[in-house]
Amino acid sequence: MTSPLVLTSARPADLEERVVDVGSVLRESQVEEVLAQLDHDLVALAPVKTRLREIAALLVVERLRRQVGLAAEAPSLHMSFTGHPGTGKTTVALRMAEILHRLGYLERGHLVAVSRDDLVGQYVGHTAPRTREVISRALGGVLFIDEAYHLHRRENERDYGQEAIEILLQAMENERSNLVVILAGYRDRMDEFFRSNPGMFSRIAHHIDFPDYSVDELLEIARLMVRRQQYELTDDALDALRAYIERRMRQPHFANARSIRNAIDRARLRQAGRIFDRGGLLTRDDLMRIEAEDILRSRVFRVDEPDGQPSAGATA
């Protein structure tokens, strides 16, 4: 008697149910430590930090999917960072490069920060090798292009910026598994740039806006800066600094945390001059303390100084 045919639903061995551990990936990559350091280093910026955590979570899950044999195509991670100078864009780009390296997305995890002058040549045949050399240096890491809208100058028909853009577009597609490009600048000008370059817009997966800091947040940034340098602001100095910030924010070229850093540096100069002129014996507290007069009598209160003018590769 012939045995009946039995159909089974057994799955191949490589598709057996598997268990993966999120914690093991986090421990191995130490991504949470990078995110915690970012949270410690940067005041406020909650929406920015949330987006970075989401990107890290996506990459962790993609890694887990690969471990169980699921489709896990590497996502496009080219980004646009918009906001005023001094809002932390460069700092976040550095942390992003580190996260991507730890999770195996980028080989090296370094940051190459450039501006138009590093990419666009002055004569025919000069732009292509310059742009390709920068891309070569950035492979395995993040290419951060500050004030990226300067690459496109519609008013100049003989401008070579479009050639650089076309080479970048090709690299963003062909090298997407080992290169992340971050374009940075003022939001309105970046919007105009993307309208003029739809091909570039289509390759940007993440648009992250960096808000300006409030007065209280800038004061907290000042406290962190002086603490790291082992200085202390007296209560009167904090009051004087708050008055400066409120005035400075209404003036041209204000640059958020960058303007605060410049203000603290000038106050340190005044403190050093005050101590030097006084002479005599000094205690540790004397050397650490920044007084109100170091704020009020220094150049800090010259609110017309262009300490916040944007400079290439310096948007942190």
Foldseek 3Di string as FASTA:
>chain_A
DDDDDDDDPDDPPLQPDDDDDLVVLCVQLVLVVLLVVVPVQAFDQVVVSVVLVVVLVLLSVLVVCVVSPHDRDDDQAAEEEADFFQLCPLVVQLSSLSSCCSSPQFVPSGEDFWELVQQFDDDPPPRVVSLVVSVVVQFRYEYEYEPHLVLDDPVDPPGPSVVSVVVVLVCSVPRRSGYHYYYYYHPVSVVVSCVVPVSVVVSHDYYHYRYADDLVRLLVLLQVVLVVVQADEDPLLSVLVSVLVVVLVVEPLDRHNQLSVVLVVQLLVLLVVVDVVVDDDDDSNSNRYRYNCSNVVTCSNVSHDNSRDDDGPRRD
